[in-house]
Amino acid sequence: MWREAVKAADAKQAKEIRVLDLRDVSSFADYFVICSGSNSRQIQAIADEIELRLKKKGERANSVEGYNHAEWVLMDYGDYLIHIFSEKARAYYDLERLWRDARSVAV
């Protein structure tokens, strides 16, 4: 299902979409989908599109954090987590560096 989330993010012109395979380095999630939006409206639009498409496939988020502020929206789907960042927040938190031992998946 994370592939559907990638397609949804791409449909809303998310920037720098990356997928990290965490299966060998984490026990709490299998994948991270990480992307950026240009502003809070775009970040919310990306989150809305992901939620809509995954809901159509029968997937519902366990939780969604940060939607109103829209600097970093975290969508928890259990086996995979979706991170939608502002460019500033993405550079600050730098999840790709923090999880550098995870394998990058081609999207």
PDB file of N, CA and C in Angstrom:
ATOM      1  N   MET A   1       0.800  -1.203   0.000  1.00  0.00           N
ATOM      2  CA  MET A   1       0.000   0.000   0.000  1.00  0.00           C
ATOM      3  C   MET A   1       0.847   1.273   0.000  1.00  0.00           C
ATOM      4  N   TRP A   2       2.083   1.198   0.505  1.00  0.00           N
ATOM      5  CA  TRP A   2       2.915   2.395   0.509  1.00  0.00           C
ATOM      6  C   TRP A   2       3.138   2.898  -0.912  1.00  0.00           C
ATOM      7  N   ARG A   3       3.088   2.003  -1.893  1.00  0.00           N
ATOM      8  CA  ARG A   3       3.239   2.432  -3.294  1.00  0.00           C
ATOM      9  C   ARG A   3       2.084   3.336  -3.718  1.00  0.00           C
ATOM     10  N   GLU A   4       0.899   3.038  -3.244  1.00  0.00           N
ATOM     11  CA  GLU A   4      -0.266   3.883  -3.540  1.00  0.00           C
ATOM     12  C   GLU A   4      -0.089   5.256  -2.897  1.00  0.00           C
ATOM     13  N   ALA A   5       0.495   5.298  -1.718  1.00  0.00           N
ATOM     14  CA  ALA A   5       0.772   6.570  -1.053  1.00  0.00           C
ATOM     15  C   ALA A   5       1.781   7.384  -1.863  1.00  0.00           C
ATOM     16  N   VAL A   6       2.773   6.724  -2.424  1.00  0.00           N
ATOM     17  CA  VAL A   6       3.760   7.403  -3.270  1.00  0.00           C
ATOM     18  C   VAL A   6       3.079   7.993  -4.500  1.00  0.00           C
ATOM     19  N   LYS A   7       2.203   7.223  -5.130  1.00  0.00           N
ATOM     20  CA  LYS A   7       1.477   7.713  -6.306  1.00  0.00           C
ATOM     21  C   LYS A   7       0.618   8.924  -5.953  1.00  0.00           C
ATOM     22  N   ALA A   8      -0.041   8.868  -4.801  1.00  0.00           N
ATOM     23  CA  ALA A   8      -0.889   9.977  -4.368  1.00  0.00           C
ATOM     24  C   ALA A   8      -0.053  11.232  -4.110  1.00  0.00           C
ATOM     25  N   ALA A   9       1.087  11.073  -3.451  1.00  0.00           N
ATOM     26  CA  ALA A   9       1.967  12.215  -3.183  1.00  0.00           C
ATOM     27  C   ALA A   9       2.474  12.812  -4.496  1.00  0.00           C
ATOM     28  N   ASP A  10       2.840  11.953  -5.421  1.00  0.00           N
ATOM     29  CA  ASP A  10       3.323  12.411  -6.721  1.00  0.00           C
ATOM     30  C   ASP A  10       2.224  13.164  -7.478  1.00  0.00           C
ATOM     31  N   ALA A  11       1.002  12.708  -7.362  1.00  0.00           N
ATOM     32  CA  ALA A  11      -0.127  13.364  -8.033  1.00  0.00           C
ATOM     33  C   ALA A  11      -0.330  14.798  -7.529  1.00  0.00           C
ATOM     34  N   LYS A  12       0.084  15.078  -6.310  1.00  0.00           N
ATOM     35  CA  LYS A  12      -0.032  16.424  -5.733  1.00  0.00           C
ATOM     36  C   LYS A  12       1.313  17.167  -5.761  1.00  0.00           C
ATOM     37  N   GLN A  13       2.198  16.728  -6.652  1.00  0.00           N
ATOM     38  CA  GLN A  13       3.510  17.355  -6.880  1.00  0.00           C
ATOM     39  C   GLN A  13       4.388  17.435  -5.631  1.00  0.00           C
ATOM     40  N   ALA A  14       4.352  16.388  -4.812  1.00  0.00           N
ATOM     41  CA  ALA A  14       5.264  16.317  -3.673  1.00  0.00           C
ATOM     42  C   ALA A  14       6.693  16.307  -4.209  1.00  0.00           C
ATOM     43  N   LYS A  15       7.593  16.888  -3.451  1.00  0.00           N
ATOM     44  CA  LYS A  15       8.995  16.972  -3.863  1.00  0.00           C
ATOM     45  C   LYS A  15       9.815  15.900  -3.163  1.00  0.00           C
ATOM     46  N   GLU A  16      10.852  15.464  -3.848  1.00  0.00           N
ATOM     47  CA  GLU A  16      11.845  14.542  -3.278  1.00  0.00           C
ATOM     48  C   GLU A  16      11.215  13.366  -2.542  1.00  0.00           C
ATOM     49  N   ILE A  17      10.386  12.618  -3.227  1.00  0.00           N
ATOM     50  CA  ILE A  17       9.747  11.448  -2.613  1.00  0.00           C
ATOM     51  C   ILE A  17      10.790  10.357  -2.442  1.00  0.00           C
ATOM     52  N   ARG A  18      10.917   9.875  -1.226  1.00  0.00           N
ATOM     53  CA  ARG A  18      11.857   8.790  -0.914  1.00  0.00           C
ATOM     54  C   ARG A  18      11.132   7.734  -0.105  1.00  0.00           C
ATOM     55  N   VAL A  19      11.539   6.493  -0.310  1.00  0.00           N
ATOM     56  CA  VAL A  19      11.011   5.386   0.482  1.00  0.00           C
ATOM     57  C   VAL A  19      12.204   4.677   1.107  1.00  0.00           C
ATOM     58  N   LEU A  20      12.132   4.474   2.413  1.00  0.00           N
ATOM     59  CA  LEU A  20      13.173   3.751   3.140  1.00  0.00           C
ATOM     60  C   LEU A  20      12.610   2.422   3.624  1.00  0.00           C
ATOM     61  N   ASP A  21      13.340   1.358   3.351  1.00  0.00           N
ATOM     62  CA  ASP A  21      12.979   0.017   3.804  1.00  0.00           C
ATOM     63  C   ASP A  21      13.625  -0.197   5.166  1.00  0.00           C
ATOM     64  N   LEU A  22      12.805  -0.240   6.196  1.00  0.00           N
ATOM     65  CA  LEU A  22      13.297  -0.338   7.579  1.00  0.00           C
ATOM     66  C   LEU A  22      13.281  -1.751   8.133  1.00  0.00           C
ATOM     67  N   ARG A  23      12.896  -2.715   7.326  1.00  0.00           N
ATOM     68  CA  ARG A  23      12.684  -4.067   7.855  1.00  0.00           C
ATOM     69  C   ARG A  23      13.916  -4.652   8.537  1.00  0.00           C
ATOM     70  N   ASP A  24      15.118  -4.313   8.094  1.00  0.00           N
ATOM     71  CA  ASP A  24      16.327  -4.856   8.707  1.00  0.00           C
ATOM     72  C   ASP A  24      16.849  -4.021   9.873  1.00  0.00           C
ATOM     73  N   VAL A  25      16.284  -2.822  10.069  1.00  0.00           N
ATOM     74  CA  VAL A  25      16.835  -1.937  11.097  1.00  0.00           C
ATOM     75  C   VAL A  25      15.817  -1.474  12.135  1.00  0.00           C
ATOM     76  N   SER A  26      14.557  -1.873  11.996  1.00  0.00           N
ATOM     77  CA  SER A  26      13.522  -1.413  12.919  1.00  0.00           C
ATOM     78  C   SER A  26      12.481  -2.499  13.144  1.00  0.00           C
ATOM     79  N   SER A  27      11.893  -2.491  14.318  1.00  0.00           N
ATOM     80  CA  SER A  27      10.824  -3.453  14.596  1.00  0.00           C
ATOM     81  C   SER A  27       9.450  -2.788  14.619  1.00  0.00           C
ATOM     82  N   PHE A  28       9.391  -1.453  14.566  1.00  0.00           N
ATOM     83  CA  PHE A  28       8.097  -0.774  14.691  1.00  0.00           C
ATOM     84  C   PHE A  28       7.442  -0.444  13.354  1.00  0.00           C
ATOM     85  N   ALA A  29       8.199  -0.467  12.260  1.00  0.00           N
ATOM     86  CA  ALA A  29       7.619  -0.182  10.944  1.00  0.00           C
ATOM     87  C   ALA A  29       8.491  -0.821   9.873  1.00  0.00           C
ATOM     88  N   ASP A  30       7.873  -1.125   8.743  1.00  0.00           N
ATOM     89  CA  ASP A  30       8.612  -1.714   7.624  1.00  0.00           C
ATOM     90  C   ASP A  30       9.136  -0.665   6.654  1.00  0.00           C
ATOM     91  N   TYR A  31       8.355   0.407   6.456  1.00  0.00           N
ATOM     92  CA  TYR A  31       8.736   1.421   5.474  1.00  0.00           C
ATOM     93  C   TYR A  31       8.430   2.819   5.978  1.00  0.00           C
ATOM     94  N   PHE A  32       9.258   3.766   5.543  1.00  0.00           N
ATOM     95  CA  PHE A  32       8.977   5.190   5.666  1.00  0.00           C
ATOM     96  C   PHE A  32       8.781   5.721   4.258  1.00  0.00           C
ATOM     97  N   VAL A  33       7.731   6.478   4.046  1.00  0.00           N
ATOM     98  CA  VAL A  33       7.577   7.271   2.835  1.00  0.00           C
ATOM     99  C   VAL A  33       7.822   8.706   3.271  1.00  0.00           C
ATOM    100  N   ILE A  34       8.795   9.358   2.644  1.00  0.00           N
ATOM    101  CA  ILE A  34       9.183  10.715   3.027  1.00  0.00           C
ATOM    102  C   ILE A  34       9.057  11.610   1.799  1.00  0.00           C
ATOM    103  N   CYS A  35       8.417  12.756   1.984  1.00  0.00           N
ATOM    104  CA  CYS A  35       8.321  13.717   0.884  1.00  0.00           C
ATOM    105  C   CYS A  35       8.187  15.117   1.456  1.00  0.00           C
ATOM    106  N   SER A  36       8.232  16.110   0.570  1.00  0.00           N
ATOM    107  CA  SER A  36       8.139  17.505   0.978  1.00  0.00           C
ATOM    108  C   SER A  36       7.080  18.230   0.162  1.00  0.00           C
ATOM    109  N   GLY A  37       6.540  19.280   0.774  1.00  0.00           N
ATOM    110  CA  GLY A  37       5.637  20.190   0.096  1.00  0.00           C
ATOM    111  C   GLY A  37       6.169  21.604   0.206  1.00  0.00           C
ATOM    112  N   SER A  38       5.739  22.451  -0.693  1.00  0.00           N
ATOM    113  CA  SER A  38       6.246  23.829  -0.748  1.00  0.00           C
ATOM    114  C   SER A  38       5.661  24.734   0.329  1.00  0.00           C
ATOM    115  N   ASN A  39       4.424  24.455   0.733  1.00  0.00           N
ATOM    116  CA  ASN A  39       3.759  25.295   1.735  1.00  0.00           C
ATOM    117  C   ASN A  39       2.727  24.450   2.476  1.00  0.00           C
ATOM    118  N   SER A  40       2.120  25.039   3.496  1.00  0.00           N
ATOM    119  CA  SER A  40       1.201  24.264   4.339  1.00  0.00           C
ATOM    120  C   SER A  40      -0.008  23.754   3.556  1.00  0.00           C
ATOM    121  N   ARG A  41      -0.517  24.531   2.628  1.00  0.00           N
ATOM    122  CA  ARG A  41      -1.659  24.066   1.830  1.00  0.00           C
ATOM    123  C   ARG A  41      -1.299  22.849   0.989  1.00  0.00           C
ATOM    124  N   GLN A  42      -0.118  22.888   0.370  1.00  0.00           N
ATOM    125  CA  GLN A  42       0.288  21.736  -0.438  1.00  0.00           C
ATOM    126  C   GLN A  42       0.523  20.519   0.449  1.00  0.00           C
ATOM    127  N   ILE A  43       1.124  20.713   1.604  1.00  0.00           N
ATOM    128  CA  ILE A  43       1.369  19.607   2.532  1.00  0.00           C
ATOM    129  C   ILE A  43       0.036  18.969   2.935  1.00  0.00           C
ATOM    130  N   GLN A  44      -0.952  19.787   3.254  1.00  0.00           N
ATOM    131  CA  GLN A  44      -2.272  19.260   3.601  1.00  0.00           C
ATOM    132  C   GLN A  44      -2.933  18.575   2.404  1.00  0.00           C
ATOM    133  N   ALA A  45      -2.755  19.122   1.203  1.00  0.00           N
ATOM    134  CA  ALA A  45      -3.325  18.503  -0.002  1.00  0.00           C
ATOM    135  C   ALA A  45      -2.697  17.140  -0.262  1.00  0.00           C
ATOM    136  N   ILE A  46      -1.400  17.019  -0.026  1.00  0.00           N
ATOM    137  CA  ILE A  46      -0.717  15.729  -0.186  1.00  0.00           C
ATOM    138  C   ILE A  46      -1.289  14.723   0.818  1.00  0.00           C
ATOM    139  N   ALA A  47      -1.401  15.147   2.072  1.00  0.00           N
ATOM    140  CA  ALA A  47      -1.953  14.267   3.115  1.00  0.00           C
ATOM    141  C   ALA A  47      -3.383  13.857   2.783  1.00  0.00           C
ATOM    142  N   ASP A  48      -4.186  14.801   2.321  1.00  0.00           N
ATOM    143  CA  ASP A  48      -5.581  14.503   1.966  1.00  0.00           C
ATOM    144  C   ASP A  48      -5.662  13.484   0.836  1.00  0.00           C
ATOM    145  N   GLU A  49      -4.822  13.657  -0.180  1.00  0.00           N
ATOM    146  CA  GLU A  49      -4.841  12.739  -1.330  1.00  0.00           C
ATOM    147  C   GLU A  49      -4.391  11.330  -0.923  1.00  0.00           C
ATOM    148  N   ILE A  50      -3.376  11.262  -0.089  1.00  0.00           N
ATOM    149  CA  ILE A  50      -2.913   9.955   0.397  1.00  0.00           C
ATOM    150  C   ILE A  50      -4.031   9.276   1.187  1.00  0.00           C
ATOM    151  N   GLU A  51      -4.646  10.028   2.103  1.00  0.00           N
ATOM    152  CA  GLU A  51      -5.719   9.467   2.917  1.00  0.00           C
ATOM    153  C   GLU A  51      -6.880   8.986   2.041  1.00  0.00           C
ATOM    154  N   LEU A  52      -7.264   9.780   1.064  1.00  0.00           N
ATOM    155  CA  LEU A  52      -8.375   9.437   0.176  1.00  0.00           C
ATOM    156  C   LEU A  52      -8.086   8.159  -0.614  1.00  0.00           C
ATOM    157  N   ARG A  53      -6.915   8.095  -1.221  1.00  0.00           N
ATOM    158  CA  ARG A  53      -6.581   6.920  -2.040  1.00  0.00           C
ATOM    159  C   ARG A  53      -6.448   5.655  -1.208  1.00  0.00           C
ATOM    160  N   LEU A  54      -5.843   5.771  -0.047  1.00  0.00           N
ATOM    161  CA  LEU A  54      -5.675   4.583   0.788  1.00  0.00           C
ATOM    162  C   LEU A  54      -7.004   4.137   1.384  1.00  0.00           C
ATOM    163  N   LYS A  55      -7.880   5.087   1.691  1.00  0.00           N
ATOM    164  CA  LYS A  55      -9.205   4.749   2.206  1.00  0.00           C
ATOM    165  C   LYS A  55      -9.987   3.951   1.160  1.00  0.00           C
ATOM    166  N   LYS A  56      -9.839   4.340  -0.120  1.00  0.00           N
ATOM    167  CA  LYS A  56     -10.498   3.603  -1.205  1.00  0.00           C
ATOM    168  C   LYS A  56      -9.999   2.168  -1.305  1.00  0.00           C
ATOM    169  N   LYS A  57      -8.763   1.935  -0.849  1.00  0.00           N
ATOM    170  CA  LYS A  57      -8.179   0.589  -0.860  1.00  0.00           C
ATOM    171  C   LYS A  57      -8.431  -0.150   0.451  1.00  0.00           C
ATOM    172  N   GLY A  58      -9.204   0.473   1.349  1.00  0.00           N
ATOM    173  CA  GLY A  58      -9.533  -0.173   2.612  1.00  0.00           C
ATOM    174  C   GLY A  58      -8.547   0.080   3.734  1.00  0.00           C
ATOM    175  N   GLU A  59      -7.605   0.981   3.535  1.00  0.00           N
ATOM    176  CA  GLU A  59      -6.599   1.305   4.550  1.00  0.00           C
ATOM    177  C   GLU A  59      -6.979   2.596   5.255  1.00  0.00           C
ATOM    178  N   ARG A  60      -6.901   2.573   6.564  1.00  0.00           N
ATOM    179  CA  ARG A  60      -7.150   3.777   7.356  1.00  0.00           C
ATOM    180  C   ARG A  60      -5.958   4.002   8.279  1.00  0.00           C
ATOM    181  N   ALA A  61      -5.592   5.256   8.427  1.00  0.00           N
ATOM    182  CA  ALA A  61      -4.461   5.596   9.294  1.00  0.00           C
ATOM    183  C   ALA A  61      -4.811   5.320  10.753  1.00  0.00           C
ATOM    184  N   ASN A  62      -3.843   4.774  11.487  1.00  0.00           N
ATOM    185  CA  ASN A  62      -4.005   4.610  12.931  1.00  0.00           C
ATOM    186  C   ASN A  62      -4.026   5.979  13.603  1.00  0.00           C
ATOM    187  N   SER A  63      -3.223   6.893  13.075  1.00  0.00           N
ATOM    188  CA  SER A  63      -3.206   8.267  13.586  1.00  0.00           C
ATOM    189  C   SER A  63      -2.588   9.187  12.542  1.00  0.00           C
ATOM    190  N   VAL A  64      -2.953  10.451  12.641  1.00  0.00           N
ATOM    191  CA  VAL A  64      -2.369  11.504  11.812  1.00  0.00           C
ATOM    192  C   VAL A  64      -1.999  12.636  12.754  1.00  0.00           C
ATOM    193  N   GLU A  65      -0.737  13.037  12.698  1.00  0.00           N
ATOM    194  CA  GLU A  65      -0.230  14.088  13.590  1.00  0.00           C
ATOM    195  C   GLU A  65       0.278  15.256  12.756  1.00  0.00           C
ATOM    196  N   GLY A  66       0.100  16.464  13.257  1.00  0.00           N
ATOM    197  CA  GLY A  66       0.693  17.649  12.643  1.00  0.00           C
ATOM    198  C   GLY A  66      -0.058  18.236  11.468  1.00  0.00           C
ATOM    199  N   TYR A  67      -1.265  17.757  11.188  1.00  0.00           N
ATOM    200  CA  TYR A  67      -1.995  18.206  10.004  1.00  0.00           C
ATOM    201  C   TYR A  67      -2.306  19.712  10.059  1.00  0.00           C
ATOM    202  N   ASN A  68      -2.776  20.204  11.185  1.00  0.00           N
ATOM    203  CA  ASN A  68      -3.177  21.613  11.274  1.00  0.00           C
ATOM    204  C   ASN A  68      -2.013  22.577  11.111  1.00  0.00           C
ATOM    205  N   HIS A  69      -0.898  22.258  11.708  1.00  0.00           N
ATOM    206  CA  HIS A  69       0.277  23.131  11.609  1.00  0.00           C
ATOM    207  C   HIS A  69       0.987  22.938  10.268  1.00  0.00           C
ATOM    208  N   ALA A  70       0.975  21.720   9.762  1.00  0.00           N
ATOM    209  CA  ALA A  70       1.470  21.361   8.423  1.00  0.00           C
ATOM    210  C   ALA A  70       2.939  21.700   8.180  1.00  0.00           C
ATOM    211  N   GLU A  71       3.770  21.544   9.192  1.00  0.00           N
ATOM    212  CA  GLU A  71       5.219  21.602   8.997  1.00  0.00           C
ATOM    213  C   GLU A  71       5.762  20.184   8.805  1.00  0.00           C
ATOM    214  N   TRP A  72       5.181  19.258   9.563  1.00  0.00           N
ATOM    215  CA  TRP A  72       5.535  17.843   9.466  1.00  0.00           C
ATOM    216  C   TRP A  72       4.265  17.055   9.763  1.00  0.00           C
ATOM    217  N   VAL A  73       3.697  16.459   8.742  1.00  0.00           N
ATOM    218  CA  VAL A  73       2.516  15.617   8.925  1.00  0.00           C
ATOM    219  C   VAL A  73       2.995  14.174   8.960  1.00  0.00           C
ATOM    220  N   LEU A  74       2.631  13.481  10.017  1.00  0.00           N
ATOM    221  CA  LEU A  74       2.988  12.074  10.175  1.00  0.00           C
ATOM    222  C   LEU A  74       1.714  11.251  10.116  1.00  0.00           C
ATOM    223  N   MET A  75       1.672  10.327   9.151  1.00  0.00           N
ATOM    224  CA  MET A  75       0.517   9.446   8.980  1.00  0.00           C
ATOM    225  C   MET A  75       0.980   8.025   9.293  1.00  0.00           C
ATOM    226  N   ASP A  76       0.391   7.436  10.321  1.00  0.00           N
ATOM    227  CA  ASP A  76       0.795   6.103  10.782  1.00  0.00           C
ATOM    228  C   ASP A  76      -0.187   5.062  10.258  1.00  0.00           C
ATOM    229  N   TYR A  77       0.313   4.217   9.373  1.00  0.00           N
ATOM    230  CA  TYR A  77      -0.493   3.125   8.825  1.00  0.00           C
ATOM    231  C   TYR A  77      -0.003   1.764   9.333  1.00  0.00           C
ATOM    232  N   GLY A  78       0.640   1.759  10.484  1.00  0.00           N
ATOM    233  CA  GLY A  78       1.097   0.500  11.075  1.00  0.00           C
ATOM    234  C   GLY A  78       2.415   0.041  10.480  1.00  0.00           C
ATOM    235  N   ASP A  79       2.352  -0.723   9.400  1.00  0.00           N
ATOM    236  CA  ASP A  79       3.567  -1.261   8.771  1.00  0.00           C
ATOM    237  C   ASP A  79       4.373  -0.196   8.041  1.00  0.00           C
ATOM    238  N   TYR A  80       3.745   0.901   7.721  1.00  0.00           N
ATOM    239  CA  TYR A  80       4.460   1.985   7.044  1.00  0.00           C
ATOM    240  C   TYR A  80       3.998   3.332   7.591  1.00  0.00           C
ATOM    241  N   LEU A  81       4.944   4.258   7.633  1.00  0.00           N
ATOM    242  CA  LEU A  81       4.693   5.612   8.119  1.00  0.00           C
ATOM    243  C   LEU A  81       4.962   6.591   6.990  1.00  0.00           C
ATOM    244  N   ILE A  82       4.114   7.580   6.875  1.00  0.00           N
ATOM    245  CA  ILE A  82       4.270   8.589   5.838  1.00  0.00           C
ATOM    246  C   ILE A  82       4.619   9.909   6.509  1.00  0.00           C
ATOM    247  N   HIS A  83       5.726  10.512   6.072  1.00  0.00           N
ATOM    248  CA  HIS A  83       6.196  11.784   6.599  1.00  0.00           C
ATOM    249  C   HIS A  83       6.108  12.815   5.484  1.00  0.00           C
ATOM    250  N   ILE A  84       5.328  13.864   5.702  1.00  0.00           N
ATOM    251  CA  ILE A  84       5.216  14.942   4.723  1.00  0.00           C
ATOM    252  C   ILE A  84       5.740  16.205   5.405  1.00  0.00           C
ATOM    253  N   PHE A  85       6.857  16.698   4.907  1.00  0.00           N
ATOM    254  CA  PHE A  85       7.565  17.809   5.542  1.00  0.00           C
ATOM    255  C   PHE A  85       7.482  19.092   4.740  1.00  0.00           C
ATOM    256  N   SER A  86       7.609  20.215   5.446  1.00  0.00           N
ATOM    257  CA  SER A  86       7.998  21.450   4.775  1.00  0.00           C
ATOM    258  C   SER A  86       9.484  21.267   4.464  1.00  0.00           C
ATOM    259  N   GLU A  87       9.997  22.032   3.530  1.00  0.00           N
ATOM    260  CA  GLU A  87      11.412  21.887   3.180  1.00  0.00           C
ATOM    261  C   GLU A  87      12.314  22.197   4.376  1.00  0.00           C
ATOM    262  N   LYS A  88      11.938  23.209   5.161  1.00  0.00           N
ATOM    263  CA  LYS A  88      12.716  23.601   6.338  1.00  0.00           C
ATOM    264  C   LYS A  88      12.718  22.488   7.388  1.00  0.00           C
ATOM    265  N   ALA A  89      11.543  21.922   7.676  1.00  0.00           N
ATOM    266  CA  ALA A  89      11.449  20.859   8.682  1.00  0.00           C
ATOM    267  C   ALA A  89      12.187  19.602   8.219  1.00  0.00           C
ATOM    268  N   ARG A  90      12.110  19.297   6.929  1.00  0.00           N
ATOM    269  CA  ARG A  90      12.800  18.110   6.427  1.00  0.00           C
ATOM    270  C   ARG A  90      14.306  18.247   6.597  1.00  0.00           C
ATOM    271  N   ALA A  91      14.831  19.415   6.303  1.00  0.00           N
ATOM    272  CA  ALA A  91      16.269  19.645   6.472  1.00  0.00           C
ATOM    273  C   ALA A  91      16.654  19.567   7.951  1.00  0.00           C
ATOM    274  N   TYR A  92      15.804  20.097   8.824  1.00  0.00           N
ATOM    275  CA  TYR A  92      16.098  20.103  10.254  1.00  0.00           C
ATOM    276  C   TYR A  92      16.098  18.691  10.844  1.00  0.00           C
ATOM    277  N   TYR A  93      15.058  17.906  10.568  1.00  0.00           N
ATOM    278  CA  TYR A  93      14.941  16.573  11.165  1.00  0.00           C
ATOM    279  C   TYR A  93      15.764  15.530  10.427  1.00  0.00           C
ATOM    280  N   ASP A  94      15.977  15.705   9.138  1.00  0.00           N
ATOM    281  CA  ASP A  94      16.867  14.877   8.319  1.00  0.00           C
ATOM    282  C   ASP A  94      16.727  13.369   8.603  1.00  0.00           C
ATOM    283  N   LEU A  95      15.517  12.867   8.414  1.00  0.00           N
ATOM    284  CA  LEU A  95      15.255  11.446   8.667  1.00  0.00           C
ATOM    285  C   LEU A  95      16.116  10.528   7.807  1.00  0.00           C
ATOM    286  N   GLU A  96      16.426  10.973   6.608  1.00  0.00           N
ATOM    287  CA  GLU A  96      17.271  10.132   5.738  1.00  0.00           C
ATOM    288  C   GLU A  96      18.646   9.902   6.377  1.00  0.00           C
ATOM    289  N   ARG A  97      19.199  10.908   7.030  1.00  0.00           N
ATOM    290  CA  ARG A  97      20.479  10.740   7.717  1.00  0.00           C
ATOM    291  C   ARG A  97      20.299   9.897   8.980  1.00  0.00           C
ATOM    292  N   LEU A  98      19.246  10.189   9.728  1.00  0.00           N
ATOM    293  CA  LEU A  98      18.982   9.468  10.969  1.00  0.00           C
ATOM    294  C   LEU A  98      18.787   7.974  10.717  1.00  0.00           C
ATOM    295  N   TRP A  99      18.131   7.635   9.610  1.00  0.00           N
ATOM    296  CA  TRP A  99      17.865   6.239   9.243  1.00  0.00           C
ATOM    297  C   TRP A  99      18.748   5.804   8.074  1.00  0.00           C
ATOM    298  N   ARG A 100      19.991   6.263   8.056  1.00  0.00           N
ATOM    299  CA  ARG A 100      20.898   5.969   6.936  1.00  0.00           C
ATOM    300  C   ARG A 100      21.207   4.487   6.767  1.00  0.00           C
ATOM    301  N   ASP A 101      20.981   3.683   7.795  1.00  0.00           N
ATOM    302  CA  ASP A 101      21.204   2.237   7.669  1.00  0.00           C
ATOM    303  C   ASP A 101      20.062   1.535   6.940  1.00  0.00           C
ATOM    304  N   ALA A 102      18.959   2.238   6.756  1.00  0.00           N
ATOM    305  CA  ALA A 102      17.826   1.649   6.019  1.00  0.00           C
ATOM    306  C   ALA A 102      18.135   1.669   4.516  1.00  0.00           C
ATOM    307  N   ARG A 103      17.608   0.689   3.831  1.00  0.00           N
ATOM    308  CA  ARG A 103      17.803   0.598   2.377  1.00  0.00           C
ATOM    309  C   ARG A 103      16.826   1.526   1.692  1.00  0.00           C
ATOM    310  N   SER A 104      17.330   2.291   0.720  1.00  0.00           N
ATOM    311  CA  SER A 104      16.489   3.167  -0.074  1.00  0.00           C
ATOM    312  C   SER A 104      15.817   2.349  -1.163  1.00  0.00           C
ATOM    313  N   VAL A 105      14.522   2.555  -1.365  1.00  0.00           N
ATOM    314  CA  VAL A 105      13.738   1.823  -2.365  1.00  0.00           C
ATOM    315  C   VAL A 105      13.473   2.746  -3.543  1.00  0.00           C
ATOM    316  N   ALA A 106      13.692   2.262  -4.738  1.00  0.00           N
ATOM    317  CA  ALA A 106      13.416   3.063  -5.936  1.00  0.00           C
ATOM    318  C   ALA A 106      11.920   3.279  -6.071  1.00  0.00           C
ATOM    319  N   VAL A 107      11.538   4.522  -6.387  1.00  0.00           N
ATOM    320  CA  VAL A 107      10.116   4.837  -6.584  1.00  0.00           C
ATOM    321  C   VAL A 107       9.881   5.317  -8.000  1.00  0.00           C
TER     322      VAL A 107
END
